[in-house]
Amino acid sequence: MPRNPLLTETTAENMLKILTGKDYEQAVKLHDWAEKEGLKIEPRTGALSYKIQYSTTKPKRSLFTIECNEKRWKVKANLYHFSQYSETESISDAVKQAITSTRTCTGCNSRCIKGSRFHLDGKEYFTCIGSGHYFEGMGNPDWELLAQLLDHEKNIIAI
């Protein structure tokens, strides 16, 4: 697949500049939070989009990835321990939809570490850890809620 000629940036800050308006503002808020929290930031250029991975360092775990190009952006969040903090926040419909639409774990291969089990609105879910939860097209309160969930996850991972 040919590389997108618009994707020439090498730093995360410059990669985010491909976004505009509220999309840019929200992405920068997440990026700034990650910097403040001391997460490792790894920018990469794919064939069709930039991918900026944000990870904890001890232990090394990917917390979230921002994927963006000139048309859209989304966040892949790895909320492995969602069941431990899902009750602490009031989860909006947009965030619930993103979390519950993650594919169900089927133990896809011999190295699969199995899924993440949690309850939401009285229903049990068993989502694939490898897939992550994708968030896009949300309003400001939903992005702020996602940042709170990521903070809960980071604090659990760092224990």
C-alpha atoms as a PDB file:
ATOM      1  CA  MET A   1       0.000   0.000   0.000  1.00  0.00           C
ATOM      2  CA  PRO A   2       1.498   3.394  -0.929  1.00  0.00           C
ATOM      3  CA  ARG A   3       2.467   5.714   1.905  1.00  0.00           C
ATOM      4  CA  ASN A   4       0.401   8.857   2.389  1.00  0.00           C
ATOM      5  CA  PRO A   5       2.649  11.747   1.236  1.00  0.00           C
ATOM      6  CA  LEU A   6       1.085  14.033   3.876  1.00  0.00           C
ATOM      7  CA  LEU A   7       2.521  11.940   6.713  1.00  0.00           C
ATOM      8  CA  THR A   8       6.034  13.372   7.047  1.00  0.00           C
ATOM      9  CA  GLU A   9       6.216  14.418  10.710  1.00  0.00           C
ATOM     10  CA  THR A  10       8.450  12.623  13.183  1.00  0.00           C
ATOM     11  CA  THR A  11       7.475  14.044  16.598  1.00  0.00           C
ATOM     12  CA  ALA A  12       4.223  13.331  18.406  1.00  0.00           C
ATOM     13  CA  GLU A  13       3.519  17.045  18.836  1.00  0.00           C
ATOM     14  CA  ASN A  14       3.854  17.697  15.107  1.00  0.00           C
ATOM     15  CA  MET A  15       1.886  14.560  14.210  1.00  0.00           C
ATOM     16  CA  LEU A  16      -1.080  15.838  16.211  1.00  0.00           C
ATOM     17  CA  LYS A  17      -1.034  19.065  14.181  1.00  0.00           C
ATOM     18  CA  ILE A  18      -2.605  17.151  11.297  1.00  0.00           C
ATOM     19  CA  LEU A  19      -5.839  17.450  13.305  1.00  0.00           C
ATOM     20  CA  THR A  20      -7.892  20.630  13.486  1.00  0.00           C
ATOM     21  CA  GLY A  21     -10.321  22.356  15.830  1.00  0.00           C
ATOM     22  CA  LYS A  22     -11.760  20.371  18.720  1.00  0.00           C
ATOM     23  CA  ASP A  23     -10.136  17.158  17.510  1.00  0.00           C
ATOM     24  CA  TYR A  24      -6.715  18.775  17.853  1.00  0.00           C
ATOM     25  CA  GLU A  25      -7.591  20.250  21.260  1.00  0.00           C
ATOM     26  CA  GLN A  26      -8.750  16.899  22.654  1.00  0.00           C
ATOM     27  CA  ALA A  27      -5.774  14.987  21.284  1.00  0.00           C
ATOM     28  CA  VAL A  28      -3.349  17.553  22.727  1.00  0.00           C
ATOM     29  CA  LYS A  29      -5.064  17.323  26.135  1.00  0.00           C
ATOM     30  CA  LEU A  30      -4.505  13.556  26.177  1.00  0.00           C
ATOM     31  CA  HIS A  31      -0.928  13.984  24.963  1.00  0.00           C
ATOM     32  CA  ASP A  32      -0.173  16.652  27.582  1.00  0.00           C
ATOM     33  CA  TRP A  33      -1.666  14.455  30.321  1.00  0.00           C
ATOM     34  CA  ALA A  34       0.538  11.555  29.195  1.00  0.00           C
ATOM     35  CA  GLU A  35       3.637  13.774  29.265  1.00  0.00           C
ATOM     36  CA  LYS A  36       2.759  15.069  32.737  1.00  0.00           C
ATOM     37  CA  GLU A  37       2.290  11.497  33.988  1.00  0.00           C
ATOM     38  CA  GLY A  38       5.685  10.462  32.628  1.00  0.00           C
ATOM     39  CA  LEU A  39       4.383   7.950  30.104  1.00  0.00           C
ATOM     40  CA  LYS A  40       6.740   6.781  27.371  1.00  0.00           C
ATOM     41  CA  ILE A  41       5.679   8.326  24.045  1.00  0.00           C
ATOM     42  CA  GLU A  42       6.486   6.439  20.852  1.00  0.00           C
ATOM     43  CA  PRO A  43       5.431   8.140  17.584  1.00  0.00           C
ATOM     44  CA  ARG A  44       5.227   6.004  14.442  1.00  0.00           C
ATOM     45  CA  THR A  45       4.148   6.633  10.881  1.00  0.00           C
ATOM     46  CA  GLY A  46       1.985   4.007   9.208  1.00  0.00           C
ATOM     47  CA  ALA A  47       0.869   3.775   5.599  1.00  0.00           C
ATOM     48  CA  LEU A  48      -2.341   5.728   6.221  1.00  0.00           C
ATOM     49  CA  SER A  49      -2.016   7.358   9.636  1.00  0.00           C
ATOM     50  CA  TYR A  50       0.201   8.413  12.487  1.00  0.00           C
ATOM     51  CA  LYS A  51       0.201   6.168  15.556  1.00  0.00           C
ATOM     52  CA  ILE A  52       1.422   7.561  18.845  1.00  0.00           C
ATOM     53  CA  GLN A  53       1.691   4.937  21.573  1.00  0.00           C
ATOM     54  CA  TYR A  54       1.668   5.952  25.243  1.00  0.00           C
ATOM     55  CA  SER A  55       3.035   3.373  27.681  1.00  0.00           C
ATOM     56  CA  THR A  56       3.863   2.963  31.332  1.00  0.00           C
ATOM     57  CA  THR A  57       7.523   2.181  31.919  1.00  0.00           C
ATOM     58  CA  LYS A  58       7.468  -0.078  34.996  1.00  0.00           C
ATOM     59  CA  PRO A  59       5.971  -2.396  34.085  1.00  0.00           C
ATOM     60  CA  LYS A  60       6.059  -1.660  30.352  1.00  0.00           C
ATOM     61  CA  ARG A  61       2.463  -1.689  29.191  1.00  0.00           C
ATOM     62  CA  SER A  62       0.736   0.158  26.404  1.00  0.00           C
ATOM     63  CA  LEU A  63      -1.934   2.341  28.001  1.00  0.00           C
ATOM     64  CA  PHE A  64      -3.336   3.975  24.867  1.00  0.00           C
ATOM     65  CA  THR A  65      -2.572   4.856  21.264  1.00  0.00           C
ATOM     66  CA  ILE A  66      -3.709   7.876  19.289  1.00  0.00           C
ATOM     67  CA  GLU A  67      -4.223   7.074  15.609  1.00  0.00           C
ATOM     68  CA  CYS A  68      -4.750  10.086  13.350  1.00  0.00           C
ATOM     69  CA  ASN A  69      -4.617  11.345   9.792  1.00  0.00           C
ATOM     70  CA  GLU A  70      -6.004  14.391   7.991  1.00  0.00           C
ATOM     71  CA  LYS A  71      -9.553  12.952   8.002  1.00  0.00           C
ATOM     72  CA  ARG A  72     -10.083  11.434  11.467  1.00  0.00           C
ATOM     73  CA  TRP A  73      -8.621  10.377  14.769  1.00  0.00           C
ATOM     74  CA  LYS A  74      -9.319   7.738  17.372  1.00  0.00           C
ATOM     75  CA  VAL A  75      -7.909   6.420  20.596  1.00  0.00           C
ATOM     76  CA  LYS A  76      -7.244   2.762  21.274  1.00  0.00           C
ATOM     77  CA  ALA A  77      -7.350   2.428  25.072  1.00  0.00           C
ATOM     78  CA  ASN A  78      -6.191  -0.691  26.888  1.00  0.00           C
ATOM     79  CA  LEU A  79      -8.470  -0.719  29.909  1.00  0.00           C
ATOM     80  CA  TYR A  80      -7.398  -4.141  31.181  1.00  0.00           C
ATOM     81  CA  HIS A  81      -8.626  -3.512  34.737  1.00  0.00           C
ATOM     82  CA  PHE A  82     -11.895  -1.742  33.885  1.00  0.00           C
ATOM     83  CA  SER A  83     -13.822  -3.927  36.336  1.00  0.00           C
ATOM     84  CA  GLN A  84     -11.800  -2.474  39.222  1.00  0.00           C
ATOM     85  CA  TYR A  85     -12.822   1.136  38.607  1.00  0.00           C
ATOM     86  CA  SER A  86     -15.952   1.037  36.415  1.00  0.00           C
ATOM     87  CA  GLU A  87     -18.117   1.755  39.469  1.00  0.00           C
ATOM     88  CA  THR A  88     -16.084   4.825  40.497  1.00  0.00           C
ATOM     89  CA  GLU A  89     -17.138   6.927  37.515  1.00  0.00           C
ATOM     90  CA  SER A  90     -20.483   7.675  35.914  1.00  0.00           C
ATOM     91  CA  ILE A  91     -19.974   6.123  32.477  1.00  0.00           C
ATOM     92  CA  SER A  92     -21.585   8.043  29.598  1.00  0.00           C
ATOM     93  CA  ASP A  93     -23.469   6.330  26.785  1.00  0.00           C
ATOM     94  CA  ALA A  94     -20.732   7.145  24.236  1.00  0.00           C
ATOM     95  CA  VAL A  95     -18.020   5.617  26.420  1.00  0.00           C
ATOM     96  CA  LYS A  96     -20.217   2.591  27.235  1.00  0.00           C
ATOM     97  CA  GLN A  97     -20.808   2.017  23.533  1.00  0.00           C
ATOM     98  CA  ALA A  98     -17.080   2.057  22.764  1.00  0.00           C
ATOM     99  CA  ILE A  99     -16.233  -0.272  25.639  1.00  0.00           C
ATOM    100  CA  THR A 100     -19.012  -2.782  25.049  1.00  0.00           C
ATOM    101  CA  SER A 101     -18.473  -2.955  21.280  1.00  0.00           C
ATOM    102  CA  THR A 102     -14.992  -4.447  21.705  1.00  0.00           C
ATOM    103  CA  ARG A 103     -14.967  -7.969  20.337  1.00  0.00           C
ATOM    104  CA  THR A 104     -15.550 -10.873  22.699  1.00  0.00           C
ATOM    105  CA  CYS A 105     -12.488 -12.905  23.672  1.00  0.00           C
ATOM    106  CA  THR A 106     -12.379 -16.305  22.012  1.00  0.00           C
ATOM    107  CA  GLY A 107      -8.859 -17.365  23.036  1.00  0.00           C
ATOM    108  CA  CYS A 108      -7.677 -16.706  19.499  1.00  0.00           C
ATOM    109  CA  ASN A 109      -4.315 -18.499  19.721  1.00  0.00           C
ATOM    110  CA  SER A 110      -2.069 -20.498  22.036  1.00  0.00           C
ATOM    111  CA  ARG A 111      -0.333 -17.339  23.325  1.00  0.00           C
ATOM    112  CA  CYS A 112      -3.625 -15.567  24.131  1.00  0.00           C
ATOM    113  CA  ILE A 113      -3.628 -14.282  27.711  1.00  0.00           C
ATOM    114  CA  LYS A 114      -7.432 -14.388  27.696  1.00  0.00           C
ATOM    115  CA  GLY A 115      -9.784 -11.476  27.942  1.00  0.00           C
ATOM    116  CA  SER A 116     -10.954  -8.861  30.387  1.00  0.00           C
ATOM    117  CA  ARG A 117     -14.163  -9.636  32.276  1.00  0.00           C
ATOM    118  CA  PHE A 118     -16.366  -6.836  33.622  1.00  0.00           C
ATOM    119  CA  HIS A 119     -19.996  -5.928  34.328  1.00  0.00           C
ATOM    120  CA  LEU A 120     -21.716  -2.838  32.986  1.00  0.00           C
ATOM    121  CA  ASP A 121     -25.404  -2.018  33.388  1.00  0.00           C
ATOM    122  CA  GLY A 122     -26.061  -5.463  34.832  1.00  0.00           C
ATOM    123  CA  LYS A 123     -24.575  -7.305  31.857  1.00  0.00           C
ATOM    124  CA  GLU A 124     -21.324  -9.286  31.814  1.00  0.00           C
ATOM    125  CA  TYR A 125     -18.714  -8.709  29.111  1.00  0.00           C
ATOM    126  CA  PHE A 126     -15.563 -10.669  28.270  1.00  0.00           C
ATOM    127  CA  THR A 127     -13.629  -8.532  25.807  1.00  0.00           C
ATOM    128  CA  CYS A 128     -10.438  -9.325  23.923  1.00  0.00           C
ATOM    129  CA  ILE A 129      -7.441  -7.691  25.572  1.00  0.00           C
ATOM    130  CA  GLY A 130      -5.502  -7.595  22.310  1.00  0.00           C
ATOM    131  CA  SER A 131      -8.204  -5.591  20.573  1.00  0.00           C
ATOM    132  CA  GLY A 132      -8.394  -2.680  23.003  1.00  0.00           C
ATOM    133  CA  HIS A 133     -11.325  -0.281  23.147  1.00  0.00           C
ATOM    134  CA  TYR A 134     -11.635   2.289  20.339  1.00  0.00           C
ATOM    135  CA  PHE A 135     -12.975   5.780  21.049  1.00  0.00           C
ATOM    136  CA  GLU A 136     -13.816   8.399  18.442  1.00  0.00           C
ATOM    137  CA  GLY A 137     -16.364  11.084  17.616  1.00  0.00           C
ATOM    138  CA  MET A 138     -17.108  11.907  21.259  1.00  0.00           C
ATOM    139  CA  GLY A 139     -17.855  15.207  22.965  1.00  0.00           C
ATOM    140  CA  ASN A 140     -15.626  16.990  25.483  1.00  0.00           C
ATOM    141  CA  PRO A 141     -17.162  15.380  28.600  1.00  0.00           C
ATOM    142  CA  ASP A 142     -16.644  11.916  27.111  1.00  0.00           C
ATOM    143  CA  TRP A 143     -12.969  12.600  26.314  1.00  0.00           C
ATOM    144  CA  GLU A 144     -12.492  13.911  29.856  1.00  0.00           C
ATOM    145  CA  LEU A 145     -14.092  10.729  31.204  1.00  0.00           C
ATOM    146  CA  LEU A 146     -11.749   8.625  29.061  1.00  0.00           C
ATOM    147  CA  ALA A 147      -8.780  10.524  30.535  1.00  0.00           C
ATOM    148  CA  GLN A 148     -10.077   9.688  34.043  1.00  0.00           C
ATOM    149  CA  LEU A 149     -10.415   6.015  33.115  1.00  0.00           C
ATOM    150  CA  LEU A 150      -6.877   6.021  31.701  1.00  0.00           C
ATOM    151  CA  ASP A 151      -5.649   7.576  34.938  1.00  0.00           C
ATOM    152  CA  HIS A 152      -7.336   4.803  36.965  1.00  0.00           C
ATOM    153  CA  GLU A 153      -5.758   2.192  34.683  1.00  0.00           C
ATOM    154  CA  LYS A 154      -2.299   3.776  34.941  1.00  0.00           C
ATOM    155  CA  ASN A 155      -2.526   3.819  38.731  1.00  0.00           C
ATOM    156  CA  ILE A 156      -3.451   0.129  38.875  1.00  0.00           C
ATOM    157  CA  ILE A 157      -0.701  -0.892  36.434  1.00  0.00           C
ATOM    158  CA  ALA A 158       1.912   1.061  38.408  1.00  0.00           C
ATOM    159  CA  ILE A 159       1.175  -0.763  41.679  1.00  0.00           C
END
